[in-house]
């Protein structure tokens, strides 16, 4: 069963990818005026000043390798956001947008809800808008594509 069409919800219920996006991510974070198309289906549209250098980087964390499998999801999200913000600051860029890709073996909706709340709270404080992403089925992996300007 493809995770993009149907997610396993505690082994007994199912939730579609778009239902998960709507429930846990859509309209929960900031809405930047330079974002023309945000969370939806694997793409976003942002408006930038072409004279301004852009930062685009992808950071990835794999459960059991980059973080403990049983790490509290809110702590994990906070650590990830701190790493992303520091990564951009080291390059003297201001992060403005991000996409989130989750690869999950089984969707634990409570765990993802705690993760999404902490991730979006940290992103809001840094003025970073979540503008899209993707989900897939497989070993737990978190990928964030960060976009910013100088």
Foldseek 3Di string as FASTA:
>chain_A
DKQQQWAAEVVPDIDHPVRLCVVAPPPPADDDPQWPAFADPADTDGDDDVVWDKDKDKDKDFDPPRHDVPPQLLVVLLVVLVVVCVVQVVVPWQWAEKEKEWAEQHDHPVSVNSNSNNNRVSCRVSNYYYGYYYYTYDGTMMMMITMTTD
